[in-house]
Protein backbone atom coordinates (compact mmCIF):
# COMPACT_ATOMS: atom_id res chain seq x y z
CA MET A 1 22.39 -68.40 -72.03
CA ASP A 2 21.42 -66.37 -69.15
CA GLN A 3 20.97 -67.87 -65.91
CA THR A 4 19.75 -66.69 -62.53
CA VAL A 5 21.13 -67.51 -59.47
CA TYR A 6 19.03 -67.59 -55.77
CA THR A 7 20.58 -68.06 -52.34
CA THR A 8 19.91 -68.83 -49.21
CA GLN A 9 21.94 -69.37 -46.05
CA ASN A 10 22.65 -72.86 -47.10
CA THR A 11 21.92 -73.44 -50.71
CA GLU A 12 22.54 -71.87 -54.12
CA TYR A 13 19.75 -72.07 -56.50
CA VAL A 14 20.49 -71.91 -60.60
CA PHE A 15 17.91 -71.22 -63.17
CA ILE A 16 18.33 -71.65 -66.77
CA ALA A 17 15.15 -70.73 -68.91
CA GLY A 18 13.32 -70.47 -65.86
CA ALA A 19 13.77 -74.20 -64.55
CA CYS A 20 16.19 -75.06 -61.83
CA THR A 21 19.02 -76.65 -63.22
CA GLN A 22 21.50 -76.92 -60.11
CA VAL A 23 21.33 -76.68 -56.66
CA THR A 24 24.72 -76.38 -54.34
CA ASP A 25 25.00 -76.91 -50.70
CA ARG A 26 27.06 -73.52 -50.18
CA ARG A 27 28.63 -74.99 -47.14
CA THR A 28 30.51 -78.07 -48.72
CA ASN A 29 30.44 -76.37 -52.35
CA THR A 30 28.34 -79.98 -53.59
CA VAL A 31 26.35 -79.82 -56.18
CA GLN A 32 23.57 -81.83 -55.19
CA PRO A 33 21.98 -83.74 -58.20
CA GLN A 34 19.25 -85.36 -56.39
CA HIS A 35 17.52 -82.56 -54.82
CA PRO A 36 13.88 -82.15 -55.66
CA ALA A 37 13.63 -78.85 -56.93
CA LEU A 38 15.56 -79.71 -59.99
CA GLY A 39 13.85 -79.40 -63.38
CA ARG A 40 11.05 -77.43 -61.95
CA ALA A 41 10.26 -73.66 -61.96
CA ILE A 42 9.30 -71.19 -59.54
CA ALA A 43 5.68 -71.10 -58.51
CA CYS A 44 5.88 -67.96 -56.11
CA ALA A 45 7.95 -66.04 -53.79
CA VAL A 46 6.42 -65.49 -50.31
CA ARG A 47 7.50 -63.14 -47.43
CA ILE A 48 7.55 -64.98 -43.91
CA TYR A 49 6.61 -63.47 -40.81
CA PRO A 50 7.56 -63.75 -37.36
CA ASN A 51 3.94 -65.23 -36.00
CA GLY A 52 4.30 -67.68 -39.06
CA GLY A 53 1.77 -66.15 -41.62
CA VAL A 54 3.17 -65.64 -45.09
CA ALA A 55 2.27 -63.33 -48.09
CA PRO A 56 3.18 -63.44 -51.57
CA VAL A 57 5.30 -61.16 -53.37
CA ASP A 58 5.16 -60.23 -57.09
CA VAL A 59 9.42 -60.57 -57.42
CA PRO A 60 11.44 -62.79 -55.17
CA GLU A 61 14.20 -60.56 -53.41
CA GLU A 62 16.37 -60.89 -49.84
CA GLY A 63 14.09 -62.22 -47.00
CA THR A 64 11.77 -63.60 -49.32
CA ALA A 65 11.11 -67.91 -49.63
CA LEU A 66 10.89 -69.47 -52.89
CA CYS A 67 8.27 -71.87 -53.92
CA PHE A 68 8.31 -74.00 -56.44
CA GLU A 69 5.86 -75.91 -58.87
CA ARG A 70 4.47 -78.83 -57.85
CA THR A 71 4.88 -81.69 -60.84
CA GLY A 72 2.93 -84.87 -61.34
CA THR A 73 0.91 -86.07 -58.34
CA GLU A 74 3.77 -84.99 -55.97
CA GLU A 75 2.05 -83.56 -52.66
CA ARG A 76 4.73 -82.02 -51.00
CA SER A 77 5.37 -78.44 -51.91
CA ILE A 78 9.04 -77.20 -52.08
CA VAL A 79 9.74 -74.23 -50.34
CA THR A 80 13.43 -72.45 -49.43
CA SER A 81 14.31 -70.94 -46.55
CA ARG A 82 14.71 -66.91 -46.57
CA LEU A 83 16.72 -65.67 -49.81
CA VAL A 84 20.30 -63.52 -48.46
CA GLN A 85 20.73 -62.74 -52.31
CA ALA A 86 18.25 -62.35 -55.25
CA PRO A 87 18.71 -62.52 -58.22
CA VAL A 88 22.12 -62.36 -59.84
CA VAL A 89 21.68 -62.38 -63.35
CA SER A 90 24.91 -63.46 -65.73
């Protein structure tokens, strides 16, 4: 089964079949079983500019942030910090 891994400074996100299946804290190497990104797909990726502006990008890449799809009636969006590595497919 192919998996894709996106890494921020503090967190690693693992995706299988488009859904986030594991979130790991990179500092402690601890899996985060209650992380709100679990089970969600990537809605888009955005480039965040120093002035606070954001712009969508076609493909997540180093320096962009991931935005996760909302589920149910949630009002809060989940946006990662900037990626330091993306993607690693295995």
